[in-house]
Amino acid sequence: MLKIEIHADQVRSFNGKDGKTYRMQAGYVHTLGPDGRPQPHPVRAEWFLNRDEQAPAPGAYLLAPSSIYVDRGGRLSIAPKLVPAPVK
């Protein structure tokens, strides 16, 4: 599973062309290289929060397996769902 770090207050809001307000969460994703080994540094990424979804508190999270699904067009998609990472 991918590890994602959330730092303090990394949510931004903006208004879309449709007049709706959207919120995006930023975090740092610990990715793997082509050889399957962890990259030396996490990469900053953003994803949409659902309208009623609370922004996660700062901390370490894992991307839940239920985040990955096949959409109605038959494409592999991701809707990030974060679960707290176990404390080591």
Protein backbone atom coordinates (compact mmCIF):
# COMPACT_ATOMS: atom_id res chain seq x y z
CA MET A 1 0.00 0.00 0.00
CA LEU A 2 1.10 3.56 -0.65
CA LYS A 3 2.06 5.66 2.34
CA ILE A 4 0.80 9.26 2.30
CA GLU A 5 1.82 12.01 4.71
CA ILE A 6 -0.56 14.87 5.44
CA HIS A 7 0.89 18.10 6.82
CA ALA A 8 -1.06 20.88 8.53
CA ASP A 9 -3.82 22.63 6.57
CA GLN A 10 -3.11 21.53 3.02
CA VAL A 11 -6.67 21.90 1.73
CA ARG A 12 -7.46 24.46 -0.92
CA SER A 13 -10.88 25.50 -2.20
CA PHE A 14 -11.81 26.95 -5.55
CA ASN A 15 -14.91 27.63 -7.62
CA GLY A 16 -15.36 25.66 -10.81
CA LYS A 17 -16.81 26.92 -14.08
CA ASP A 18 -20.05 25.19 -13.07
CA GLY A 19 -20.31 27.50 -10.02
CA LYS A 20 -19.66 24.71 -7.53
CA THR A 21 -16.99 24.91 -4.83
CA TYR A 22 -14.34 22.18 -4.93
CA ARG A 23 -11.80 21.23 -2.28
CA MET A 24 -8.47 19.57 -2.86
CA GLN A 25 -6.25 17.90 -0.28
CA ALA A 26 -2.47 17.92 -0.68
CA GLY A 27 -0.12 15.34 0.71
CA TYR A 28 3.20 13.64 0.11
CA VAL A 29 3.11 10.19 -1.47
CA HIS A 30 5.91 7.69 -0.95
CA THR A 31 6.18 6.16 -4.44
CA LEU A 32 8.06 3.22 -5.91
CA GLY A 33 10.46 3.38 -8.82
CA PRO A 34 10.27 1.21 -11.98
CA ASP A 35 12.37 -1.38 -10.18
CA GLY A 36 9.82 -1.63 -7.34
CA ARG A 37 12.10 -0.04 -4.76
CA PRO A 38 10.98 2.99 -2.72
CA GLN A 39 11.97 6.38 -4.13
CA PRO A 40 14.29 8.39 -1.85
CA HIS A 41 11.83 11.30 -1.43
CA PRO A 42 8.02 11.53 -1.29
CA VAL A 43 6.21 13.35 -4.10
CA ARG A 44 3.63 16.10 -3.50
CA ALA A 45 0.20 15.23 -4.89
CA GLU A 46 -3.36 16.61 -4.68
CA TRP A 47 -6.75 14.92 -4.84
CA PHE A 48 -10.37 16.02 -4.61
CA LEU A 49 -12.28 15.73 -1.35
CA ASN A 50 -15.95 14.78 -1.52
CA ARG A 51 -18.36 17.56 -0.59
CA ASP A 52 -19.12 16.18 2.89
CA GLU A 53 -15.70 14.60 3.49
CA GLN A 54 -13.62 15.87 6.40
CA ALA A 55 -10.01 16.66 5.56
CA PRO A 56 -7.73 14.18 7.27
CA ALA A 57 -5.78 15.39 10.30
CA PRO A 58 -2.02 15.75 9.87
CA GLY A 59 -0.29 12.39 10.12
CA ALA A 60 0.71 9.25 8.23
CA TYR A 61 -1.87 7.33 6.21
CA LEU A 62 -2.10 4.41 3.81
CA LEU A 63 -4.14 4.31 0.61
CA ALA A 64 -6.93 1.82 1.29
CA PRO A 65 -7.36 -1.00 -1.26
CA SER A 66 -10.99 0.13 -1.74
CA SER A 67 -9.62 3.33 -3.33
CA ILE A 68 -8.97 1.50 -6.61
CA TYR A 69 -11.94 0.60 -8.79
CA VAL A 70 -13.06 0.12 -12.39
CA ASP A 71 -15.26 3.03 -13.50
CA ARG A 72 -18.36 2.78 -15.67
CA GLY A 73 -16.20 3.25 -18.79
CA GLY A 74 -14.13 0.20 -17.87
CA ARG A 75 -11.06 2.25 -16.89
CA LEU A 76 -8.99 1.66 -13.78
CA SER A 77 -9.57 4.64 -11.46
CA ILE A 78 -8.60 5.87 -8.03
CA ALA A 79 -10.78 7.70 -5.49
CA PRO A 80 -8.38 8.10 -2.55
CA LYS A 81 -9.58 6.74 0.76
CA LEU A 82 -7.03 7.10 3.52
CA VAL A 83 -6.64 4.93 6.59
CA PRO A 84 -4.29 5.80 9.46
CA ALA A 85 -0.92 4.10 9.11
CA PRO A 86 0.00 1.71 11.92
CA VAL A 87 2.34 3.20 14.49
CA LYS A 88 5.73 1.49 14.47
